[in-house]
Amino acid sequence: MVGNRDRTESRLRQIVEDCLRRSLRPDQALPSDDVDWIASDLLDSMGHVDVLLSIERAAGLTDFFSRVESAPPTTTQKVLAALQDAVKQETPSRQPQARRLQGGLSASAEITGWGFIVGAQRVEAASVEREFSLPTGTIRERAGIECVARASGDQSELSLATAAANAALERADVDAGDLDWLLAASETSVGFPSLGSLVHSRLLLRDSCGVLDLGGACVGLLNALAIARSLLTSGVARHILVVTSDVHSQYLLPGRVAGEFGGLFGDGASAFILCRTREGSDSPRYRLGEFQFGCAGTFSSALAIRPNPDGTMMLKFEGDALARAAVNRLEKIVSDLEVQSGHRRQDANSFATHQPNPRLVEMLARQSGVPPDKFPVVAKVYGNLGCSTCGVALCMALGTQDAKVPAERGPIFMAAVGPGMLWGGGVVF
């Protein structure tokens, strides 16, 4: 990253050319300044996003291209002009600190059990592209998704959530009758009774076990874990079940929504048992640290979806703008978590983040400077699972940790962004 005094015209050109060169094939020469990177097929739209993110980071102008009023530049000439204008206009600003949800009282909250399940059907990317009449490679090559998991005819949000919950209870060796709270998150369960109350009934939980259904879409799991941590550390509860479950395939159908969006999603559920433990105990389980949350409201209009009266879905989906904003925000969450928790990203065992698509995971790994294999493989083989993406990734990360002796385990960084650019993060250690 460069400072103001280093942002000369020649230095900015060097940054642009270096970042562009890294995204081109070895046999491709740098284009002339006025050649459009996308129109000339040098880059696809996701490659364009990757280059702009790299330029922002190298020039020290976080979120710059997401804030420009016109369409993001696609030629070297226009990129340089935008950067030079930014350097002239830039003024020092104070960055607001992330709000933290604190709860470190005389007890801690630990994850003692976990489980996940995905839809029983596997649909290859090529089949998804044919269903939505998309150009070949739209899902597999551009998004990086090999196949999506879809619920079978006898699977629903309830059945998936129940299966994941039973797996978590068994791993934790906790009886369902001992649960004090059930926290549920879903972006597709929209009827009544709510998902939480249905899971409560299916598991035959006691009447005094509270139920709380949460929103937040892709940030839903982190919302639930943060609330569970507060309930446990304050002494209100001893055992809490957190579940996430989404069945996108019942809504995001060909003819109802654009395939560039609907074709990315799969179906799945995750569940976690959290227990209260005395501070200072030598429990080998996985402790929840502090969380942070926020909302970058300037991006709230980049994604909007709601049903139309005729049964179709109204969709506004500015994919490239969302991609830039999401990667920048996720990387910033990781940076803030390092400061907040005292854990370094280099020491992390895994990064249980939301995964809009695998290409964005690759970008995030590069921007964060961590190996891609520290991100559990979720979206590549199951699709975007909504609020369960982060949950399934966390289950996989915990499974990897569980195979190690406690001394060899590292922290797990959690980070997610959702519609409206809600965001949240936390650390398990």
Protein backbone atom coordinates (compact mmCIF):
# COMPACT_ATOMS: atom_id res chain seq x y z
CA MET A 1 0.00 0.00 0.00
CA VAL A 2 1.31 3.46 -0.84
CA GLY A 3 0.95 6.79 0.89
CA ASN A 4 -0.16 10.10 -0.60
CA ARG A 5 3.39 11.20 -1.39
CA ASP A 6 4.01 7.97 -3.32
CA ARG A 7 0.93 8.36 -5.52
CA THR A 8 2.68 10.02 -8.44
CA GLU A 9 1.35 9.50 -11.95
CA SER A 10 4.16 7.09 -12.77
CA ARG A 11 3.64 5.12 -9.55
CA LEU A 12 -0.10 4.85 -10.15
CA ARG A 13 0.55 3.61 -13.69
CA GLN A 14 2.95 1.01 -12.33
CA ILE A 15 0.30 -0.18 -9.86
CA VAL A 16 -2.37 -0.47 -12.56
CA GLU A 17 -0.09 -2.31 -14.97
CA ASP A 18 1.24 -4.69 -12.30
CA CYS A 19 -2.26 -5.58 -11.09
CA LEU A 20 -3.53 -6.04 -14.64
CA ARG A 21 -0.53 -8.13 -15.66
CA ARG A 22 -1.13 -10.58 -12.78
CA SER A 23 -4.61 -11.31 -14.13
CA LEU A 24 -3.53 -11.87 -17.73
CA ARG A 25 -2.19 -15.09 -19.19
CA PRO A 26 1.60 -15.22 -19.63
CA ASP A 27 1.19 -14.95 -23.41
CA GLN A 28 -0.98 -11.82 -23.23
CA ALA A 29 0.60 -8.39 -23.59
CA LEU A 30 -0.60 -5.35 -21.72
CA PRO A 31 -3.28 -3.55 -23.74
CA SER A 32 -3.04 0.03 -24.97
CA ASP A 33 -4.41 2.63 -22.60
CA ASP A 34 -7.68 3.02 -24.52
CA VAL A 35 -8.46 -0.70 -24.99
CA ASP A 36 -11.50 -1.89 -23.04
CA TRP A 37 -10.41 -4.84 -20.87
CA ILE A 38 -13.80 -6.57 -20.98
CA ALA A 39 -14.91 -5.75 -24.53
CA SER A 40 -11.57 -7.03 -25.84
CA ASP A 41 -12.01 -10.31 -23.87
CA LEU A 42 -8.83 -9.74 -21.88
CA LEU A 43 -10.90 -10.09 -18.69
CA ASP A 44 -14.33 -11.35 -17.77
CA SER A 45 -16.38 -9.33 -15.29
CA MET A 46 -15.08 -11.25 -12.26
CA GLY A 47 -11.50 -10.82 -13.46
CA HIS A 48 -12.23 -7.10 -13.80
CA VAL A 49 -13.43 -7.03 -10.18
CA ASP A 50 -10.24 -8.81 -9.08
CA VAL A 51 -8.02 -6.27 -10.86
CA LEU A 52 -9.87 -3.28 -9.38
CA LEU A 53 -9.65 -4.77 -5.89
CA SER A 54 -5.91 -5.29 -6.30
CA ILE A 55 -5.47 -1.71 -7.53
CA GLU A 56 -7.46 -0.34 -4.58
CA ARG A 57 -5.35 -2.24 -2.10
CA ALA A 58 -2.03 -1.35 -3.71
CA ALA A 59 -2.97 2.33 -3.93
CA GLY A 60 -4.41 2.46 -0.41
CA LEU A 61 -7.86 3.51 -1.63
CA THR A 62 -10.20 1.01 0.01
CA ASP A 63 -13.68 0.79 -1.55
CA PHE A 64 -12.74 3.52 -4.04
CA PHE A 65 -14.18 1.96 -7.20
CA SER A 66 -17.36 1.02 -5.31
CA ARG A 67 -17.91 4.69 -4.48
CA VAL A 68 -17.48 6.20 -7.93
CA GLU A 69 -20.73 7.56 -9.33
CA SER A 70 -20.27 6.27 -12.88
CA ALA A 71 -19.68 2.68 -13.98
CA PRO A 72 -16.29 1.27 -12.88
CA PRO A 73 -13.60 2.05 -15.47
CA THR A 74 -12.56 -0.70 -17.87
CA THR A 75 -9.55 0.87 -19.61
CA THR A 76 -6.11 1.76 -18.30
CA GLN A 77 -6.71 5.37 -19.29
CA LYS A 78 -9.95 5.69 -17.32
CA VAL A 79 -8.57 3.85 -14.29
CA LEU A 80 -5.58 6.18 -14.12
CA ALA A 81 -7.80 9.25 -14.49
CA ALA A 82 -10.05 8.07 -11.66
CA LEU A 83 -7.08 7.35 -9.40
CA GLN A 84 -5.49 10.73 -10.08
CA ASP A 85 -8.76 12.51 -9.28
CA ALA A 86 -9.03 10.53 -6.05
CA VAL A 87 -5.54 11.50 -4.94
CA LYS A 88 -6.30 15.19 -5.55
CA GLN A 89 -9.59 15.10 -3.65
CA GLU A 90 -8.64 12.77 -0.83
CA THR A 91 -8.83 14.26 2.66
CA PRO A 92 -7.97 12.56 5.94
CA SER A 93 -10.97 10.96 7.57
CA ARG A 94 -11.56 9.16 10.78
CA GLN A 95 -12.69 5.58 10.35
CA PRO A 96 -15.41 4.62 12.85
CA GLN A 97 -14.48 1.68 14.99
CA ALA A 98 -16.57 -1.45 14.58
CA ARG A 99 -19.21 -1.90 17.23
CA ARG A 100 -18.44 -4.92 19.36
CA LEU A 101 -20.86 -7.15 21.19
CA GLN A 102 -19.13 -7.77 24.48
CA GLY A 103 -20.00 -10.33 27.06
CA GLY A 104 -16.85 -11.39 28.85
CA LEU A 105 -18.29 -11.79 32.35
CA SER A 106 -17.41 -14.66 34.71
CA ALA A 107 -18.18 -17.39 32.18
CA SER A 108 -17.43 -18.19 28.57
CA ALA A 109 -19.44 -19.69 25.72
CA GLU A 110 -18.11 -22.76 23.95
CA ILE A 111 -19.17 -24.79 20.94
CA THR A 112 -19.45 -28.41 22.05
CA GLY A 113 -21.35 -29.92 19.14
CA TRP A 114 -22.00 -29.23 15.47
CA GLY A 115 -23.54 -30.80 12.40
CA PHE A 116 -24.60 -29.94 8.87
CA ILE A 117 -26.55 -31.40 5.98
CA VAL A 118 -27.08 -30.32 2.38
CA GLY A 119 -29.77 -31.13 -0.14
CA ALA A 120 -29.73 -34.74 -1.34
CA GLN A 121 -29.63 -33.88 -5.04
CA ARG A 122 -26.41 -32.84 -6.80
CA VAL A 123 -26.95 -30.75 -9.92
CA GLU A 124 -23.92 -30.17 -12.15
CA ALA A 125 -23.14 -26.62 -13.24
CA ALA A 126 -23.80 -27.48 -16.89
CA SER A 127 -27.32 -28.63 -16.00
CA VAL A 128 -27.95 -25.42 -14.06
CA GLU A 129 -26.80 -23.39 -17.05
CA ARG A 130 -29.20 -25.27 -19.34
CA GLU A 131 -32.11 -24.87 -16.91
CA PHE A 132 -31.68 -21.10 -16.81
CA SER A 133 -30.69 -20.79 -20.50
CA LEU A 134 -27.31 -19.34 -19.54
CA PRO A 135 -24.24 -19.27 -21.78
CA THR A 136 -21.95 -22.25 -21.26
CA GLY A 137 -19.49 -21.59 -18.44
CA THR A 138 -21.52 -18.91 -16.66
CA ILE A 139 -21.80 -20.94 -13.45
CA ARG A 140 -18.77 -23.22 -13.64
CA GLU A 141 -16.15 -20.91 -15.14
CA ARG A 142 -17.27 -17.41 -14.25
CA ALA A 143 -18.58 -18.18 -10.75
CA GLY A 144 -16.40 -21.24 -10.07
CA ILE A 145 -19.28 -23.47 -8.91
CA GLU A 146 -18.97 -27.11 -10.01
CA CYS A 147 -22.37 -28.27 -8.74
CA VAL A 148 -25.15 -27.20 -6.38
CA ALA A 149 -26.94 -29.20 -3.68
CA ARG A 150 -30.72 -29.18 -3.93
CA ALA A 151 -33.31 -30.53 -1.54
CA SER A 152 -35.16 -33.65 -2.66
CA GLY A 153 -38.95 -33.80 -2.63
CA ASP A 154 -39.12 -34.93 1.00
CA GLN A 155 -36.64 -32.34 2.32
CA SER A 156 -37.56 -28.91 3.71
CA GLU A 157 -36.06 -26.24 5.95
CA LEU A 158 -37.54 -28.13 8.90
CA SER A 159 -36.23 -31.58 7.98
CA LEU A 160 -32.76 -30.24 7.15
CA ALA A 161 -32.58 -28.17 10.35
CA THR A 162 -33.75 -31.13 12.45
CA ALA A 163 -31.16 -33.47 10.94
CA ALA A 164 -28.36 -30.97 11.56
CA ALA A 165 -29.61 -30.33 15.12
CA ASN A 166 -29.70 -34.03 15.97
CA ALA A 167 -26.13 -34.43 14.70
CA ALA A 168 -24.98 -31.49 16.85
CA LEU A 169 -26.78 -32.82 19.95
CA GLU A 170 -25.21 -36.24 19.49
CA ARG A 171 -21.71 -34.84 19.07
CA ALA A 172 -22.11 -32.61 22.13
CA ASP A 173 -23.64 -35.46 24.16
CA VAL A 174 -26.40 -33.08 25.27
CA ASP A 175 -30.01 -34.16 25.73
CA ALA A 176 -32.60 -32.07 23.89
CA GLY A 177 -34.45 -31.69 27.18
CA ASP A 178 -31.50 -29.74 28.62
CA LEU A 179 -31.70 -26.92 26.05
CA ASP A 180 -32.60 -23.49 27.44
CA TRP A 181 -32.82 -21.61 24.13
CA LEU A 182 -33.23 -22.35 20.43
CA LEU A 183 -32.03 -19.68 17.98
CA ALA A 184 -32.98 -20.15 14.32
CA ALA A 185 -31.93 -18.29 11.18
CA SER A 186 -33.32 -18.73 7.67
CA GLU A 187 -33.78 -16.55 4.60
CA THR A 188 -36.25 -18.87 2.85
CA SER A 189 -38.54 -20.05 5.67
CA VAL A 190 -41.17 -17.31 5.46
CA GLY A 191 -44.38 -18.93 6.75
CA PHE A 192 -45.93 -19.39 10.16
CA PRO A 193 -45.32 -21.10 12.50
CA SER A 194 -41.72 -19.93 12.27
CA LEU A 195 -38.81 -22.27 11.65
CA GLY A 196 -37.71 -21.96 15.28
CA SER A 197 -41.08 -23.03 16.66
CA LEU A 198 -41.30 -25.93 14.19
CA VAL A 199 -37.85 -27.22 15.18
CA HIS A 200 -38.82 -26.80 18.85
CA SER A 201 -41.85 -29.02 18.30
CA ARG A 202 -40.00 -31.58 16.18
CA LEU A 203 -37.27 -32.00 18.82
CA LEU A 204 -39.86 -32.16 21.64
CA LEU A 205 -38.12 -29.41 23.60
CA ARG A 206 -39.55 -28.40 26.96
CA ASP A 207 -42.03 -25.53 27.25
CA SER A 208 -39.54 -23.34 29.11
CA CYS A 209 -37.00 -23.51 26.26
CA GLY A 210 -37.13 -20.12 24.57
CA VAL A 211 -37.24 -19.66 20.79
CA LEU A 212 -35.85 -16.75 18.82
CA ASP A 213 -36.03 -16.49 15.01
CA LEU A 214 -33.41 -14.19 13.50
CA GLY A 215 -32.92 -12.37 10.20
CA GLY A 216 -29.78 -11.08 8.57
CA ALA A 217 -29.68 -13.56 5.67
CA CYS A 218 -26.02 -14.51 5.15
CA VAL A 219 -25.10 -12.88 8.48
CA GLY A 220 -27.83 -14.82 10.31
CA LEU A 221 -25.50 -17.41 11.83
CA LEU A 222 -23.21 -14.77 13.32
CA ASN A 223 -26.24 -12.90 14.71
CA ALA A 224 -27.36 -16.11 16.41
CA LEU A 225 -23.93 -17.02 17.78
CA ALA A 226 -23.43 -13.53 19.21
CA ILE A 227 -26.81 -13.59 20.97
CA ALA A 228 -26.16 -17.11 22.24
CA ARG A 229 -22.82 -16.00 23.65
CA SER A 230 -24.49 -13.15 25.54
CA LEU A 231 -27.19 -15.43 26.97
CA LEU A 232 -24.57 -17.91 28.14
CA THR A 233 -22.01 -15.51 29.60
CA SER A 234 -24.71 -13.54 31.43
CA GLY A 235 -25.93 -16.68 33.17
CA VAL A 236 -29.37 -16.73 31.52
CA ALA A 237 -28.75 -20.11 29.85
CA ARG A 238 -26.51 -23.15 30.10
CA HIS A 239 -27.21 -24.94 26.81
CA ILE A 240 -28.30 -23.33 23.52
CA LEU A 241 -29.05 -24.76 20.09
CA VAL A 242 -28.36 -22.58 17.05
CA VAL A 243 -29.73 -23.72 13.68
CA THR A 244 -29.65 -22.32 10.15
CA SER A 245 -31.59 -23.74 7.22
CA ASP A 246 -32.45 -22.60 3.70
CA VAL A 247 -34.09 -24.22 0.68
CA HIS A 248 -33.50 -21.75 -2.15
CA SER A 249 -34.57 -24.19 -4.86
CA GLN A 250 -38.25 -23.71 -3.99
CA TYR A 251 -38.11 -20.02 -4.93
CA LEU A 252 -35.16 -19.31 -7.25
CA LEU A 253 -36.58 -21.10 -10.28
CA PRO A 254 -36.09 -20.60 -14.03
CA GLY A 255 -38.65 -18.09 -15.24
CA ARG A 256 -38.96 -16.51 -11.80
CA VAL A 257 -35.48 -15.06 -11.38
CA ALA A 258 -32.41 -14.42 -13.54
CA GLY A 259 -30.10 -17.42 -13.77
CA GLU A 260 -26.96 -15.37 -13.10
CA PHE A 261 -28.37 -15.02 -9.57
CA GLY A 262 -30.66 -18.00 -9.02
CA GLY A 263 -28.19 -20.49 -10.47
CA LEU A 264 -25.66 -19.77 -7.71
CA PHE A 265 -27.70 -21.14 -4.83
CA GLY A 266 -27.98 -24.50 -3.09
CA ASP A 267 -29.90 -25.87 -0.10
CA GLY A 268 -28.54 -26.81 3.31
CA ALA A 269 -28.58 -26.46 7.09
CA SER A 270 -26.16 -26.24 10.00
CA ALA A 271 -26.48 -26.54 13.77
CA PHE A 272 -24.37 -25.86 16.85
CA ILE A 273 -24.66 -26.64 20.55
CA LEU A 274 -23.21 -23.92 22.78
CA CYS A 275 -22.60 -24.37 26.49
CA ARG A 276 -21.57 -22.11 29.36
CA THR A 277 -18.18 -22.84 30.89
CA ARG A 278 -16.49 -21.24 33.86
CA GLU A 279 -13.82 -18.70 32.96
CA GLY A 280 -10.36 -20.20 33.39
CA SER A 281 -11.43 -23.80 32.85
CA ASP A 282 -9.14 -26.06 30.84
CA SER A 283 -11.92 -27.26 28.54
CA PRO A 284 -10.54 -28.52 25.21
CA ARG A 285 -13.59 -27.27 23.34
CA TYR A 286 -13.99 -24.17 21.17
CA ARG A 287 -14.56 -20.81 22.81
CA LEU A 288 -16.42 -17.91 21.21
CA GLY A 289 -14.62 -14.57 21.38
CA GLU A 290 -16.16 -11.13 20.94
CA PHE A 291 -18.15 -10.27 17.83
CA GLN A 292 -18.39 -7.15 15.71
CA PHE A 293 -21.23 -6.00 13.47
CA GLY A 294 -22.10 -3.14 11.17
CA CYS A 295 -23.87 -2.08 7.99
CA ALA A 296 -22.36 -0.33 4.96
CA GLY A 297 -25.62 1.32 3.94
CA THR A 298 -24.21 2.90 0.80
CA PHE A 299 -24.45 -0.52 -0.85
CA SER A 300 -27.99 -1.32 0.32
CA SER A 301 -29.46 -0.92 -3.17
CA ALA A 302 -26.99 -3.25 -4.91
CA LEU A 303 -29.09 -6.33 -4.12
CA ALA A 304 -32.86 -6.37 -3.72
CA ILE A 305 -35.31 -9.22 -4.19
CA ARG A 306 -39.01 -9.59 -3.47
CA PRO A 307 -42.00 -11.46 -4.95
CA ASN A 308 -44.14 -9.86 -7.64
CA PRO A 309 -47.94 -10.32 -7.74
CA ASP A 310 -47.63 -12.54 -10.84
CA GLY A 311 -45.41 -15.05 -9.04
CA THR A 312 -42.12 -13.88 -10.52
CA MET A 313 -39.37 -12.34 -8.41
CA MET A 314 -38.29 -8.71 -8.61
CA LEU A 315 -34.51 -8.79 -8.61
CA LYS A 316 -31.95 -6.01 -8.60
CA PHE A 317 -28.50 -7.57 -8.67
CA GLU A 318 -25.41 -5.44 -9.29
CA GLY A 319 -23.04 -8.39 -9.15
CA ASP A 320 -19.73 -6.67 -9.87
CA ALA A 321 -20.35 -3.82 -7.42
CA LEU A 322 -21.39 -6.32 -4.76
CA ALA A 323 -18.31 -8.43 -5.40
CA ARG A 324 -15.91 -5.52 -4.89
CA ALA A 325 -17.73 -4.33 -1.78
CA ALA A 326 -18.00 -7.84 -0.30
CA VAL A 327 -14.32 -8.73 -0.71
CA ASN A 328 -13.19 -5.38 0.68
CA ARG A 329 -15.52 -5.67 3.66
CA LEU A 330 -14.61 -9.30 4.44
CA GLU A 331 -10.90 -8.46 4.37
CA LYS A 332 -11.49 -5.49 6.66
CA ILE A 333 -13.43 -7.71 9.08
CA VAL A 334 -10.46 -10.08 9.24
CA SER A 335 -8.10 -7.14 9.89
CA ASP A 336 -10.33 -5.74 12.64
CA LEU A 337 -10.69 -9.17 14.23
CA GLU A 338 -6.91 -9.48 14.44
CA VAL A 339 -6.75 -6.26 16.46
CA GLN A 340 -9.81 -7.06 18.56
CA SER A 341 -8.92 -10.66 19.40
CA GLY A 342 -5.14 -10.59 19.43
CA HIS A 343 -5.07 -13.58 17.06
CA ARG A 344 -3.10 -13.25 13.81
CA ARG A 345 -4.50 -14.41 10.50
CA GLN A 346 -1.26 -16.28 9.85
CA ASP A 347 -2.00 -18.48 12.87
CA ALA A 348 -5.58 -19.24 11.87
CA ASN A 349 -6.64 -22.82 11.31
CA SER A 350 -9.50 -21.82 9.02
CA PHE A 351 -11.60 -18.93 7.74
CA ALA A 352 -15.31 -19.75 8.03
CA THR A 353 -16.59 -16.93 5.86
CA HIS A 354 -19.61 -16.42 3.69
CA GLN A 355 -18.88 -17.62 0.15
CA PRO A 356 -21.03 -15.87 -2.48
CA ASN A 357 -19.11 -17.88 -5.08
CA PRO A 358 -15.70 -19.60 -5.27
CA ARG A 359 -14.12 -16.89 -7.43
CA LEU A 360 -14.74 -14.36 -4.65
CA VAL A 361 -13.19 -16.76 -2.12
CA GLU A 362 -10.05 -16.85 -4.26
CA MET A 363 -9.99 -13.04 -4.41
CA LEU A 364 -10.46 -12.79 -0.64
CA ALA A 365 -7.60 -15.22 -0.04
CA ARG A 366 -5.29 -13.13 -2.23
CA GLN A 367 -6.40 -9.84 -0.69
CA SER A 368 -5.99 -11.27 2.83
CA GLY A 369 -2.64 -12.89 2.12
CA VAL A 370 -3.67 -16.33 3.38
CA PRO A 371 -3.57 -19.72 1.61
CA PRO A 372 -6.82 -20.57 -0.23
CA ASP A 373 -6.89 -24.01 1.40
CA LYS A 374 -7.68 -22.35 4.73
CA PHE A 375 -11.17 -21.63 3.39
CA PRO A 376 -13.37 -24.75 3.68
CA VAL A 377 -14.76 -25.80 0.29
CA VAL A 378 -18.49 -25.04 0.42
CA ALA A 379 -19.78 -22.94 -2.48
CA LYS A 380 -17.68 -24.82 -5.04
CA VAL A 381 -19.48 -28.12 -4.43
CA TYR A 382 -22.80 -27.07 -2.84
CA GLY A 383 -23.48 -23.55 -4.14
CA ASN A 384 -24.27 -20.48 -2.06
CA LEU A 385 -26.22 -21.82 0.93
CA GLY A 386 -27.31 -18.43 2.26
CA CYS A 387 -27.05 -18.20 6.04
CA SER A 388 -25.86 -21.83 6.14
CA THR A 389 -22.76 -21.16 4.01
CA CYS A 390 -20.88 -19.76 6.99
CA GLY A 391 -22.41 -22.51 9.17
CA VAL A 392 -21.28 -25.38 6.95
CA ALA A 393 -17.82 -23.79 6.65
CA LEU A 394 -17.61 -23.52 10.45
CA CYS A 395 -18.65 -27.17 10.85
CA MET A 396 -15.91 -28.22 8.43
CA ALA A 397 -13.35 -26.04 10.22
CA LEU A 398 -14.31 -27.47 13.61
CA GLY A 399 -14.04 -30.99 12.19
CA THR A 400 -10.50 -30.23 11.05
CA GLN A 401 -9.66 -28.81 14.47
CA ASP A 402 -11.14 -31.80 16.27
CA ALA A 403 -8.68 -34.13 14.58
CA LYS A 404 -5.78 -32.25 16.20
CA VAL A 405 -4.54 -32.20 19.77
CA PRO A 406 -5.47 -28.92 21.55
CA ALA A 407 -1.91 -27.57 21.40
CA GLU A 408 -1.91 -27.77 17.59
CA ARG A 409 -5.21 -26.00 17.03
CA GLY A 410 -5.47 -22.44 15.77
CA PRO A 411 -8.21 -19.81 15.81
CA ILE A 412 -11.08 -19.84 13.34
CA PHE A 413 -11.98 -16.46 11.85
CA MET A 414 -15.66 -15.99 10.98
CA ALA A 415 -16.85 -13.23 8.65
CA ALA A 416 -19.99 -12.66 6.62
CA VAL A 417 -21.76 -10.01 4.58
CA GLY A 418 -25.42 -9.99 3.61
CA PRO A 419 -28.01 -8.03 1.60
CA GLY A 420 -27.97 -4.36 2.52
CA MET A 421 -24.25 -4.90 3.19
CA LEU A 422 -24.92 -6.03 6.73
CA TRP A 423 -21.72 -7.52 8.06
CA GLY A 424 -20.38 -9.34 11.06
CA GLY A 425 -17.34 -11.20 12.32
CA GLY A 426 -16.03 -13.20 15.24
CA VAL A 427 -13.32 -15.63 16.30
CA VAL A 428 -13.48 -19.16 17.69
CA PHE A 429 -10.37 -20.17 19.61
